[in-house]
Amino acid sequence: MLKILYFTRNRGTAGRITIPALAALLTVSGAGLSAFPQASKRTEYGANLTIALYQFDDVRSKKVGDVTTLRQTVSTAEEEVEYITRTYGLEELKPRHVRSVGLAEGESFTDAVGMNEKPLSFTIVPRGITREGVKFDFTATCAGQVLMELKGVSANNYETVMLRGGRGEFGVREFAGPKGIESVPEKRALLVTVTPTVIAVRGLQNRPGDLSRPTDMYGSVVRLNADDVFIMPSVLTRIVPRFATGMPKGSITLEAVITPEGRVTNVKVMDSPDPAYNAKAIEAYRQYKFAPATLNGKPTYATWRETIVFTRPSAP
């Protein structure tokens, strides 16, 4: 059987983290998730999952449970920050990383990002998917410390669940410095939101194989053999695009080939709100640093798809 391990490694220093795209979602309310079938076989349904990682000050915040179903699902990280802060009294809530991925039942996905020279990674596995919703397991670690380990979490279709984790060394504090908005490391607690959209498996978007696949140096896809093991590249440092006329609205999706040395080459624009923004986004993407992909334990060329959402820095 072909073994493609969608696991990411991370050793580097996070720069100013840009937040990849949140999927556009409806504002809805939901009741409890109906019972899942006991059979272990996969269903015809899959789930497009939007996973957002936040930091917050758990010392000054009101207490929340390990799992909370939000009454409202919103479309951006900024809207979610405002809603959670207002509704649940969480202090200094700040988005750090967002990923949208399409998974079939039983399919595992691991993502990672470098924060304060420490790898923060999470793994999500949908254990059951019906037309009504998803039941999943979720774990998160930072530098070997388990921040969250939850099993059998249920969320209705288009419903958002909020997961509270422990404190870790991944937080940052922003302030106005001589170079503009700067940041310093600070210990913070982890908060995660997960929003599923149930759809037929054939209609899933951002499958792990779409996000990254092995290539040759020219970007042509490499055909894998049955015993090959491919591990995706992981982002060590992200760079924020800088625009002369201020931060635009929307997001740009880019794809590039990551070299065995972790450099970004062959960048192309997959989706953009305005071609005038493309050059600056490409310039920033070329400055990203990666831990390279590996094929059978050796560094290799691979694609990496990145969505940059234009957000303004938090007020100091």
C-alpha atoms as a PDB file:
ATOM      1  CA  MET A   1       0.000   0.000   0.000  1.00  0.00           C
ATOM      2  CA  LEU A   2       1.297   3.482  -0.853  1.00  0.00           C
ATOM      3  CA  LYS A   3       2.292   5.296   2.322  1.00  0.00           C
ATOM      4  CA  ILE A   4       1.910   9.066   2.131  1.00  0.00           C
ATOM      5  CA  LEU A   5       2.380  10.504   5.602  1.00  0.00           C
ATOM      6  CA  TYR A   6       0.912  13.981   5.911  1.00  0.00           C
ATOM      7  CA  PHE A   7       3.126  14.953   8.833  1.00  0.00           C
ATOM      8  CA  THR A   8       5.046  18.196   9.172  1.00  0.00           C
ATOM      9  CA  ARG A   9       8.236  18.945  11.073  1.00  0.00           C
ATOM     10  CA  ASN A  10       9.181  22.323  12.408  1.00  0.00           C
ATOM     11  CA  ARG A  11      12.370  23.601  14.004  1.00  0.00           C
ATOM     12  CA  GLY A  12      12.535  27.245  13.061  1.00  0.00           C
ATOM     13  CA  THR A  13      11.708  30.714  14.226  1.00  0.00           C
ATOM     14  CA  ALA A  14       8.347  32.210  13.449  1.00  0.00           C
ATOM     15  CA  GLY A  15       8.443  35.649  11.879  1.00  0.00           C
ATOM     16  CA  ARG A  16       5.350  37.776  11.887  1.00  0.00           C
ATOM     17  CA  ILE A  17       2.710  35.163  11.282  1.00  0.00           C
ATOM     18  CA  THR A  18       0.221  35.785   8.529  1.00  0.00           C
ATOM     19  CA  ILE A  19      -3.088  34.026   8.860  1.00  0.00           C
ATOM     20  CA  PRO A  20      -4.073  31.740   5.971  1.00  0.00           C
ATOM     21  CA  ALA A  21      -7.643  31.845   4.729  1.00  0.00           C
ATOM     22  CA  LEU A  22     -10.729  30.954   6.736  1.00  0.00           C
ATOM     23  CA  ALA A  23     -13.332  29.321   4.517  1.00  0.00           C
ATOM     24  CA  ALA A  24     -16.399  31.515   3.934  1.00  0.00           C
ATOM     25  CA  LEU A  25     -19.030  30.051   6.239  1.00  0.00           C
ATOM     26  CA  LEU A  26     -22.700  30.730   6.971  1.00  0.00           C
ATOM     27  CA  THR A  27     -23.941  32.215  10.228  1.00  0.00           C
ATOM     28  CA  VAL A  28     -26.076  29.518  11.800  1.00  0.00           C
ATOM     29  CA  SER A  29     -27.117  28.014  15.094  1.00  0.00           C
ATOM     30  CA  GLY A  30     -27.219  24.305  15.810  1.00  0.00           C
ATOM     31  CA  ALA A  31     -28.640  21.705  18.146  1.00  0.00           C
ATOM     32  CA  GLY A  32     -26.900  18.548  19.316  1.00  0.00           C
ATOM     33  CA  LEU A  33     -25.229  16.242  16.836  1.00  0.00           C
ATOM     34  CA  SER A  34     -27.239  13.149  15.999  1.00  0.00           C
ATOM     35  CA  ALA A  35     -25.841   9.721  16.852  1.00  0.00           C
ATOM     36  CA  PHE A  36     -23.146   8.351  14.573  1.00  0.00           C
ATOM     37  CA  PRO A  37     -23.409   4.873  13.057  1.00  0.00           C
ATOM     38  CA  GLN A  38     -21.459   2.198  14.903  1.00  0.00           C
ATOM     39  CA  ALA A  39     -20.101   0.601  11.723  1.00  0.00           C
ATOM     40  CA  SER A  40     -16.413   1.333  11.169  1.00  0.00           C
ATOM     41  CA  LYS A  41     -16.596   1.512   7.376  1.00  0.00           C
ATOM     42  CA  ARG A  42     -16.116   4.858   5.670  1.00  0.00           C
ATOM     43  CA  THR A  43     -19.169   6.781   4.506  1.00  0.00           C
ATOM     44  CA  GLU A  44     -19.684   8.570   1.208  1.00  0.00           C
ATOM     45  CA  TYR A  45     -19.304  11.885   3.047  1.00  0.00           C
ATOM     46  CA  GLY A  46     -16.212  13.923   3.786  1.00  0.00           C
ATOM     47  CA  ALA A  47     -15.684  17.221   5.609  1.00  0.00           C
ATOM     48  CA  ASN A  48     -14.032  20.474   4.657  1.00  0.00           C
ATOM     49  CA  LEU A  49     -12.600  21.523   8.024  1.00  0.00           C
ATOM     50  CA  THR A  50     -11.535  25.041   8.974  1.00  0.00           C
ATOM     51  CA  ILE A  51      -9.179  24.936  11.969  1.00  0.00           C
ATOM     52  CA  ALA A  52      -8.118  28.187  13.667  1.00  0.00           C
ATOM     53  CA  LEU A  53      -5.446  28.389  16.382  1.00  0.00           C
ATOM     54  CA  TYR A  54      -5.494  31.312  18.822  1.00  0.00           C
ATOM     55  CA  GLN A  55      -3.549  32.420  21.870  1.00  0.00           C
ATOM     56  CA  PHE A  56      -5.240  34.037  24.893  1.00  0.00           C
ATOM     57  CA  ASP A  57      -4.493  35.142  28.445  1.00  0.00           C
ATOM     58  CA  ASP A  58      -6.126  32.429  30.544  1.00  0.00           C
ATOM     59  CA  VAL A  59      -5.156  34.146  33.812  1.00  0.00           C
ATOM     60  CA  ARG A  60      -7.267  37.237  33.127  1.00  0.00           C
ATOM     61  CA  SER A  61     -10.015  35.488  31.136  1.00  0.00           C
ATOM     62  CA  LYS A  62     -13.291  33.970  32.292  1.00  0.00           C
ATOM     63  CA  LYS A  63     -13.263  30.179  32.583  1.00  0.00           C
ATOM     64  CA  VAL A  64     -14.579  28.103  29.660  1.00  0.00           C
ATOM     65  CA  GLY A  65     -14.975  24.359  29.275  1.00  0.00           C
ATOM     66  CA  ASP A  66     -12.733  22.048  27.306  1.00  0.00           C
ATOM     67  CA  VAL A  67     -15.338  21.945  24.499  1.00  0.00           C
ATOM     68  CA  THR A  68     -17.877  24.687  23.794  1.00  0.00           C
ATOM     69  CA  THR A  69     -20.324  24.833  20.890  1.00  0.00           C
ATOM     70  CA  LEU A  70     -20.558  28.397  19.596  1.00  0.00           C
ATOM     71  CA  ARG A  71     -24.020  29.783  18.882  1.00  0.00           C
ATOM     72  CA  GLN A  72     -22.667  31.559  15.817  1.00  0.00           C
ATOM     73  CA  THR A  73     -20.309  30.699  12.971  1.00  0.00           C
ATOM     74  CA  VAL A  74     -18.513  33.607  11.298  1.00  0.00           C
ATOM     75  CA  SER A  75     -16.407  34.039   8.183  1.00  0.00           C
ATOM     76  CA  THR A  76     -13.087  35.566   9.332  1.00  0.00           C
ATOM     77  CA  ALA A  77     -10.608  35.274  12.195  1.00  0.00           C
ATOM     78  CA  GLU A  78     -11.208  38.903  13.176  1.00  0.00           C
ATOM     79  CA  GLU A  79     -14.971  38.349  13.453  1.00  0.00           C
ATOM     80  CA  GLU A  80     -14.389  35.208  15.495  1.00  0.00           C
ATOM     81  CA  VAL A  81     -12.045  37.064  17.870  1.00  0.00           C
ATOM     82  CA  GLU A  82     -14.645  39.793  18.394  1.00  0.00           C
ATOM     83  CA  TYR A  83     -17.476  37.293  18.961  1.00  0.00           C
ATOM     84  CA  ILE A  84     -15.566  35.030  21.378  1.00  0.00           C
ATOM     85  CA  THR A  85     -14.178  37.995  23.338  1.00  0.00           C
ATOM     86  CA  ARG A  86     -17.618  39.565  23.683  1.00  0.00           C
ATOM     87  CA  THR A  87     -19.533  36.345  24.409  1.00  0.00           C
ATOM     88  CA  TYR A  88     -17.092  34.336  26.556  1.00  0.00           C
ATOM     89  CA  GLY A  89     -14.881  37.006  28.112  1.00  0.00           C
ATOM     90  CA  LEU A  90     -11.531  35.731  26.832  1.00  0.00           C
ATOM     91  CA  GLU A  91      -8.785  38.343  27.123  1.00  0.00           C
ATOM     92  CA  GLU A  92      -6.054  39.162  24.574  1.00  0.00           C
ATOM     93  CA  LEU A  93      -7.358  36.630  22.066  1.00  0.00           C
ATOM     94  CA  LYS A  94      -5.089  36.636  19.009  1.00  0.00           C
ATOM     95  CA  PRO A  95      -5.169  34.466  15.833  1.00  0.00           C
ATOM     96  CA  ARG A  96      -1.921  32.599  15.159  1.00  0.00           C
ATOM     97  CA  HIS A  97      -2.622  30.052  12.411  1.00  0.00           C
ATOM     98  CA  VAL A  98      -5.577  28.917  10.296  1.00  0.00           C
ATOM     99  CA  ARG A  99      -5.804  25.906   8.024  1.00  0.00           C
ATOM    100  CA  SER A 100      -8.597  24.636   5.777  1.00  0.00           C
ATOM    101  CA  VAL A 101      -8.331  20.964   4.785  1.00  0.00           C
ATOM    102  CA  GLY A 102     -10.690  18.399   3.247  1.00  0.00           C
ATOM    103  CA  LEU A 103     -10.666  14.947   4.862  1.00  0.00           C
ATOM    104  CA  ALA A 104     -12.497  11.662   4.443  1.00  0.00           C
ATOM    105  CA  GLU A 105     -13.630   9.638   7.446  1.00  0.00           C
ATOM    106  CA  GLY A 106     -10.638   8.120   9.264  1.00  0.00           C
ATOM    107  CA  GLU A 107      -8.085  10.245   7.363  1.00  0.00           C
ATOM    108  CA  SER A 108      -5.484  11.929   9.599  1.00  0.00           C
ATOM    109  CA  PHE A 109      -3.944  15.341   8.946  1.00  0.00           C
ATOM    110  CA  THR A 110      -1.074  17.012  10.833  1.00  0.00           C
ATOM    111  CA  ASP A 111      -0.016  20.639  10.398  1.00  0.00           C
ATOM    112  CA  ALA A 112       2.746  22.616  12.125  1.00  0.00           C
ATOM    113  CA  VAL A 113       4.087  26.139  12.359  1.00  0.00           C
ATOM    114  CA  GLY A 114       7.171  27.570  14.035  1.00  0.00           C
ATOM    115  CA  MET A 115       6.381  29.889  16.955  1.00  0.00           C
ATOM    116  CA  ASN A 116       9.112  31.430  19.121  1.00  0.00           C
ATOM    117  CA  GLU A 117      11.679  28.902  17.863  1.00  0.00           C
ATOM    118  CA  LYS A 118       9.355  26.111  19.001  1.00  0.00           C
ATOM    119  CA  PRO A 119       7.215  23.811  16.822  1.00  0.00           C
ATOM    120  CA  LEU A 120       3.481  23.978  17.494  1.00  0.00           C
ATOM    121  CA  SER A 121       1.655  21.169  15.696  1.00  0.00           C
ATOM    122  CA  PHE A 122      -1.841  19.704  15.669  1.00  0.00           C
ATOM    123  CA  THR A 123      -3.436  16.523  14.362  1.00  0.00           C
ATOM    124  CA  ILE A 124      -7.109  16.097  13.499  1.00  0.00           C
ATOM    125  CA  VAL A 125      -8.843  12.816  12.585  1.00  0.00           C
ATOM    126  CA  PRO A 126     -12.561  12.664  11.620  1.00  0.00           C
ATOM    127  CA  ARG A 127     -13.750   9.433  13.255  1.00  0.00           C
ATOM    128  CA  GLY A 128     -17.332   9.667  11.985  1.00  0.00           C
ATOM    129  CA  ILE A 129     -19.000  11.744   9.257  1.00  0.00           C
ATOM    130  CA  THR A 130     -22.726  11.868   8.466  1.00  0.00           C
ATOM    131  CA  ARG A 131     -24.884  14.380   6.626  1.00  0.00           C
ATOM    132  CA  GLU A 132     -25.584  16.011   9.986  1.00  0.00           C
ATOM    133  CA  GLY A 133     -22.018  16.530  11.139  1.00  0.00           C
ATOM    134  CA  VAL A 134     -18.623  15.226  12.210  1.00  0.00           C
ATOM    135  CA  LYS A 135     -17.098  13.479  15.211  1.00  0.00           C
ATOM    136  CA  PHE A 136     -13.323  13.979  15.457  1.00  0.00           C
ATOM    137  CA  ASP A 137     -10.199  13.578  17.608  1.00  0.00           C
ATOM    138  CA  PHE A 138      -7.865  16.551  18.081  1.00  0.00           C
ATOM    139  CA  THR A 139      -4.405  16.815  19.634  1.00  0.00           C
ATOM    140  CA  ALA A 140      -1.952  19.721  19.826  1.00  0.00           C
ATOM    141  CA  THR A 141       1.633  19.890  21.069  1.00  0.00           C
ATOM    142  CA  CYS A 142       4.280  22.589  21.443  1.00  0.00           C
ATOM    143  CA  ALA A 143       7.946  21.646  21.758  1.00  0.00           C
ATOM    144  CA  GLY A 144       6.969  18.188  22.990  1.00  0.00           C
ATOM    145  CA  GLN A 145       4.405  19.475  25.528  1.00  0.00           C
ATOM    146  CA  VAL A 146       0.827  18.239  25.037  1.00  0.00           C
ATOM    147  CA  LEU A 147      -1.457  21.282  25.048  1.00  0.00           C
ATOM    148  CA  MET A 148      -4.658  19.530  23.988  1.00  0.00           C
ATOM    149  CA  GLU A 149      -5.853  15.941  23.617  1.00  0.00           C
ATOM    150  CA  LEU A 150      -9.575  15.508  22.953  1.00  0.00           C
ATOM    151  CA  LYS A 151     -11.432  12.520  21.534  1.00  0.00           C
ATOM    152  CA  GLY A 152     -14.935  12.159  20.114  1.00  0.00           C
ATOM    153  CA  VAL A 153     -15.668  15.893  19.745  1.00  0.00           C
ATOM    154  CA  SER A 154     -18.940  16.449  17.851  1.00  0.00           C
ATOM    155  CA  ALA A 155     -19.853  19.354  15.594  1.00  0.00           C
ATOM    156  CA  ASN A 156     -22.897  19.758  13.364  1.00  0.00           C
ATOM    157  CA  ASN A 157     -22.564  20.721   9.719  1.00  0.00           C
ATOM    158  CA  TYR A 158     -21.620  24.455   9.544  1.00  0.00           C
ATOM    159  CA  GLU A 159     -21.324  24.538  13.351  1.00  0.00           C
ATOM    160  CA  THR A 160     -18.222  25.821  15.175  1.00  0.00           C
ATOM    161  CA  VAL A 161     -16.821  24.164  18.294  1.00  0.00           C
ATOM    162  CA  MET A 162     -14.274  25.902  20.529  1.00  0.00           C
ATOM    163  CA  LEU A 163     -11.561  23.798  22.198  1.00  0.00           C
ATOM    164  CA  ARG A 164      -9.582  25.050  25.196  1.00  0.00           C
ATOM    165  CA  GLY A 165      -5.995  23.898  25.668  1.00  0.00           C
ATOM    166  CA  GLY A 166      -3.133  24.431  28.075  1.00  0.00           C
ATOM    167  CA  ARG A 167      -0.418  27.071  28.373  1.00  0.00           C
ATOM    168  CA  GLY A 168       2.697  26.965  26.194  1.00  0.00           C
ATOM    169  CA  GLU A 169       5.716  28.930  25.007  1.00  0.00           C
ATOM    170  CA  PHE A 170       4.144  29.829  21.636  1.00  0.00           C
ATOM    171  CA  GLY A 171       2.545  33.178  22.539  1.00  0.00           C
ATOM    172  CA  VAL A 172       3.618  36.661  21.457  1.00  0.00           C
ATOM    173  CA  ARG A 173       2.994  40.167  22.717  1.00  0.00           C
ATOM    174  CA  GLU A 174       2.871  42.996  20.177  1.00  0.00           C
ATOM    175  CA  PHE A 175       4.050  46.552  20.816  1.00  0.00           C
ATOM    176  CA  ALA A 176       4.907  49.714  18.879  1.00  0.00           C
ATOM    177  CA  GLY A 177       8.687  49.787  18.321  1.00  0.00           C
ATOM    178  CA  PRO A 178      11.192  51.635  16.137  1.00  0.00           C
ATOM    179  CA  LYS A 179      10.462  49.194  13.288  1.00  0.00           C
ATOM    180  CA  GLY A 180       6.689  49.523  13.592  1.00  0.00           C
ATOM    181  CA  ILE A 181       4.598  46.789  15.220  1.00  0.00           C
ATOM    182  CA  GLU A 182       7.077  44.396  16.849  1.00  0.00           C
ATOM    183  CA  SER A 183       6.567  41.306  19.006  1.00  0.00           C
ATOM    184  CA  VAL A 184       8.265  39.442  21.849  1.00  0.00           C
ATOM    185  CA  PRO A 185       7.659  35.865  23.096  1.00  0.00           C
ATOM    186  CA  GLU A 186       5.155  35.394  25.900  1.00  0.00           C
ATOM    187  CA  LYS A 187       3.584  32.314  27.499  1.00  0.00           C
ATOM    188  CA  ARG A 188      -0.082  31.976  26.550  1.00  0.00           C
ATOM    189  CA  ALA A 189      -2.909  29.417  26.530  1.00  0.00           C
ATOM    190  CA  LEU A 190      -4.128  27.709  23.352  1.00  0.00           C
ATOM    191  CA  LEU A 191      -7.640  28.057  21.947  1.00  0.00           C
ATOM    192  CA  VAL A 192      -8.801  26.213  18.810  1.00  0.00           C
ATOM    193  CA  THR A 193     -11.986  26.471  16.759  1.00  0.00           C
ATOM    194  CA  VAL A 194     -13.084  23.806  14.277  1.00  0.00           C
ATOM    195  CA  THR A 195     -15.857  24.307  11.699  1.00  0.00           C
ATOM    196  CA  PRO A 196     -16.882  21.410   9.425  1.00  0.00           C
ATOM    197  CA  THR A 197     -18.720  21.595   6.124  1.00  0.00           C
ATOM    198  CA  VAL A 198     -20.026  18.137   5.193  1.00  0.00           C
ATOM    199  CA  ILE A 199     -19.886  17.295   1.501  1.00  0.00           C
ATOM    200  CA  ALA A 200     -19.537  14.297  -0.782  1.00  0.00           C
ATOM    201  CA  VAL A 201     -15.954  12.979  -0.716  1.00  0.00           C
ATOM    202  CA  ARG A 202     -15.473  13.746  -4.407  1.00  0.00           C
ATOM    203  CA  GLY A 203     -16.204  17.442  -3.735  1.00  0.00           C
ATOM    204  CA  LEU A 204     -13.651  17.960  -0.952  1.00  0.00           C
ATOM    205  CA  GLN A 205     -11.265  20.914  -1.277  1.00  0.00           C
ATOM    206  CA  ASN A 206      -7.703  21.325  -0.013  1.00  0.00           C
ATOM    207  CA  ARG A 207      -7.032  17.619   0.254  1.00  0.00           C
ATOM    208  CA  PRO A 208      -3.610  16.909   1.773  1.00  0.00           C
ATOM    209  CA  GLY A 209      -2.376  15.875  -1.673  1.00  0.00           C
ATOM    210  CA  ASP A 210      -3.500  19.240  -3.074  1.00  0.00           C
ATOM    211  CA  LEU A 211      -1.587  21.164  -0.417  1.00  0.00           C
ATOM    212  CA  SER A 212       1.682  19.366  -1.130  1.00  0.00           C
ATOM    213  CA  ARG A 213       3.031  16.680  -3.458  1.00  0.00           C
ATOM    214  CA  PRO A 214       6.538  15.552  -4.450  1.00  0.00           C
ATOM    215  CA  THR A 215       7.989  17.002  -7.666  1.00  0.00           C
ATOM    216  CA  ASP A 216      11.225  17.246  -9.581  1.00  0.00           C
ATOM    217  CA  MET A 217      13.221  20.495  -9.683  1.00  0.00           C
ATOM    218  CA  TYR A 218      10.995  21.834 -12.479  1.00  0.00           C
ATOM    219  CA  GLY A 219       7.741  21.262 -10.608  1.00  0.00           C
ATOM    220  CA  SER A 220       6.626  18.155 -12.495  1.00  0.00           C
ATOM    221  CA  VAL A 221       4.837  15.669 -10.242  1.00  0.00           C
ATOM    222  CA  VAL A 222       6.870  12.610  -9.266  1.00  0.00           C
ATOM    223  CA  ARG A 223       5.062   9.280  -9.487  1.00  0.00           C
ATOM    224  CA  LEU A 224       5.318   7.387  -6.208  1.00  0.00           C
ATOM    225  CA  ASN A 225       5.859   3.671  -5.837  1.00  0.00           C
ATOM    226  CA  ALA A 226       3.901   1.484  -3.444  1.00  0.00           C
ATOM    227  CA  ASP A 227       6.603   1.554  -0.746  1.00  0.00           C
ATOM    228  CA  ASP A 228       7.462   5.267  -0.970  1.00  0.00           C
ATOM    229  CA  VAL A 229       7.009   7.462   2.127  1.00  0.00           C
ATOM    230  CA  PHE A 230       6.431  11.182   1.488  1.00  0.00           C
ATOM    231  CA  ILE A 231       6.412  13.813   4.267  1.00  0.00           C
ATOM    232  CA  MET A 232       5.210  17.333   3.445  1.00  0.00           C
ATOM    233  CA  PRO A 233       7.395  20.423   3.945  1.00  0.00           C
ATOM    234  CA  SER A 234       6.599  22.655   6.921  1.00  0.00           C
ATOM    235  CA  VAL A 235       6.723  26.433   7.253  1.00  0.00           C
ATOM    236  CA  LEU A 236       9.416  27.750   9.590  1.00  0.00           C
ATOM    237  CA  THR A 237       9.012  31.492   8.958  1.00  0.00           C
ATOM    238  CA  ARG A 238       6.219  33.488   7.317  1.00  0.00           C
ATOM    239  CA  ILE A 239       6.653  37.063   6.042  1.00  0.00           C
ATOM    240  CA  VAL A 240       3.858  39.662   5.881  1.00  0.00           C
ATOM    241  CA  PRO A 241       3.466  41.366   2.455  1.00  0.00           C
ATOM    242  CA  ARG A 242       3.990  45.133   2.605  1.00  0.00           C
ATOM    243  CA  PHE A 243       1.907  47.475   0.437  1.00  0.00           C
ATOM    244  CA  ALA A 244       2.554  51.154  -0.188  1.00  0.00           C
ATOM    245  CA  THR A 245      -1.141  52.080   0.025  1.00  0.00           C
ATOM    246  CA  GLY A 246      -2.054  50.079   3.142  1.00  0.00           C
ATOM    247  CA  MET A 247      -3.341  46.571   3.665  1.00  0.00           C
ATOM    248  CA  PRO A 248      -5.870  45.455   1.018  1.00  0.00           C
ATOM    249  CA  LYS A 249      -8.913  43.300   1.698  1.00  0.00           C
ATOM    250  CA  GLY A 250      -9.229  39.652   0.777  1.00  0.00           C
ATOM    251  CA  SER A 251      -6.681  36.883   0.337  1.00  0.00           C
ATOM    252  CA  ILE A 252      -4.228  35.504  -2.211  1.00  0.00           C
ATOM    253  CA  THR A 253      -3.528  31.805  -2.749  1.00  0.00           C
ATOM    254  CA  LEU A 254      -0.055  30.951  -4.011  1.00  0.00           C
ATOM    255  CA  GLU A 255       1.672  27.719  -4.915  1.00  0.00           C
ATOM    256  CA  ALA A 256       5.415  27.164  -5.129  1.00  0.00           C
ATOM    257  CA  VAL A 257       8.044  24.460  -5.321  1.00  0.00           C
ATOM    258  CA  ILE A 258      10.052  24.085  -2.115  1.00  0.00           C
ATOM    259  CA  THR A 259      13.621  22.962  -2.711  1.00  0.00           C
ATOM    260  CA  PRO A 260      15.513  20.329  -0.668  1.00  0.00           C
ATOM    261  CA  GLU A 261      17.238  23.285   1.040  1.00  0.00           C
ATOM    262  CA  GLY A 262      13.886  24.795   2.099  1.00  0.00           C
ATOM    263  CA  ARG A 263      13.898  27.668  -0.420  1.00  0.00           C
ATOM    264  CA  VAL A 264      10.800  28.873  -2.316  1.00  0.00           C
ATOM    265  CA  THR A 265      10.927  28.723  -6.134  1.00  0.00           C
ATOM    266  CA  ASN A 266       8.541  28.703  -9.102  1.00  0.00           C
ATOM    267  CA  VAL A 267       5.840  30.751  -7.385  1.00  0.00           C
ATOM    268  CA  LYS A 268       2.502  31.038  -9.170  1.00  0.00           C
ATOM    269  CA  VAL A 269      -0.741  32.749  -8.196  1.00  0.00           C
ATOM    270  CA  MET A 270      -3.722  30.418  -7.864  1.00  0.00           C
ATOM    271  CA  ASP A 271      -6.327  32.986  -6.778  1.00  0.00           C
ATOM    272  CA  SER A 272      -6.195  36.742  -6.189  1.00  0.00           C
ATOM    273  CA  PRO A 273      -8.698  39.561  -5.477  1.00  0.00           C
ATOM    274  CA  ASP A 274      -6.678  42.007  -7.616  1.00  0.00           C
ATOM    275  CA  PRO A 275      -3.619  41.403  -9.865  1.00  0.00           C
ATOM    276  CA  ALA A 276      -2.129  44.633  -8.497  1.00  0.00           C
ATOM    277  CA  TYR A 277      -1.413  42.821  -5.214  1.00  0.00           C
ATOM    278  CA  ASN A 278       0.280  39.794  -6.748  1.00  0.00           C
ATOM    279  CA  ALA A 279       3.843  41.099  -6.988  1.00  0.00           C
ATOM    280  CA  LYS A 280       4.071  42.032  -3.283  1.00  0.00           C
ATOM    281  CA  ALA A 281       2.501  38.737  -2.205  1.00  0.00           C
ATOM    282  CA  ILE A 282       4.962  36.774  -4.361  1.00  0.00           C
ATOM    283  CA  GLU A 283       7.863  38.826  -2.978  1.00  0.00           C
ATOM    284  CA  ALA A 284       6.823  37.970   0.595  1.00  0.00           C
ATOM    285  CA  TYR A 285       6.257  34.288  -0.210  1.00  0.00           C
ATOM    286  CA  ARG A 286       9.744  33.962  -1.691  1.00  0.00           C
ATOM    287  CA  GLN A 287      11.141  34.981   1.718  1.00  0.00           C
ATOM    288  CA  TYR A 288       9.391  32.128   3.567  1.00  0.00           C
ATOM    289  CA  LYS A 289      11.666  29.540   5.149  1.00  0.00           C
ATOM    290  CA  PHE A 290      10.750  25.838   5.142  1.00  0.00           C
ATOM    291  CA  ALA A 291      11.856  22.544   6.583  1.00  0.00           C
ATOM    292  CA  PRO A 292      11.922  20.638   3.273  1.00  0.00           C
ATOM    293  CA  ALA A 293       9.766  17.684   2.311  1.00  0.00           C
ATOM    294  CA  THR A 294      11.309  14.231   2.432  1.00  0.00           C
ATOM    295  CA  LEU A 295      10.841  11.203   0.223  1.00  0.00           C
ATOM    296  CA  ASN A 296      11.980   7.954   1.823  1.00  0.00           C
ATOM    297  CA  GLY A 297      13.900   9.946   4.423  1.00  0.00           C
ATOM    298  CA  LYS A 298      15.776  12.211   1.976  1.00  0.00           C
ATOM    299  CA  PRO A 299      15.031  15.928   1.321  1.00  0.00           C
ATOM    300  CA  THR A 300      13.148  16.411  -1.935  1.00  0.00           C
ATOM    301  CA  TYR A 301      11.405  19.009  -4.070  1.00  0.00           C
ATOM    302  CA  ALA A 302       7.703  19.398  -3.290  1.00  0.00           C
ATOM    303  CA  THR A 303       4.860  21.825  -3.841  1.00  0.00           C
ATOM    304  CA  TRP A 304       3.333  23.915  -1.063  1.00  0.00           C
ATOM    305  CA  ARG A 305       0.063  25.857  -1.352  1.00  0.00           C
ATOM    306  CA  GLU A 306      -0.285  28.901   0.890  1.00  0.00           C
ATOM    307  CA  THR A 307      -3.200  31.308   1.328  1.00  0.00           C
ATOM    308  CA  ILE A 308      -2.317  34.730   2.709  1.00  0.00           C
ATOM    309  CA  VAL A 309      -5.198  36.631   4.321  1.00  0.00           C
ATOM    310  CA  PHE A 310      -4.599  40.366   4.591  1.00  0.00           C
ATOM    311  CA  THR A 311      -5.080  41.364   8.244  1.00  0.00           C
ATOM    312  CA  ARG A 312      -4.086  44.451  10.168  1.00  0.00           C
ATOM    313  CA  PRO A 313      -1.743  44.127  13.177  1.00  0.00           C
ATOM    314  CA  SER A 314      -3.339  44.143  16.615  1.00  0.00           C
ATOM    315  CA  ALA A 315      -3.285  47.436  18.474  1.00  0.00           C
ATOM    316  CA  PRO A 316      -0.433  47.570  21.007  1.00  0.00           C
END
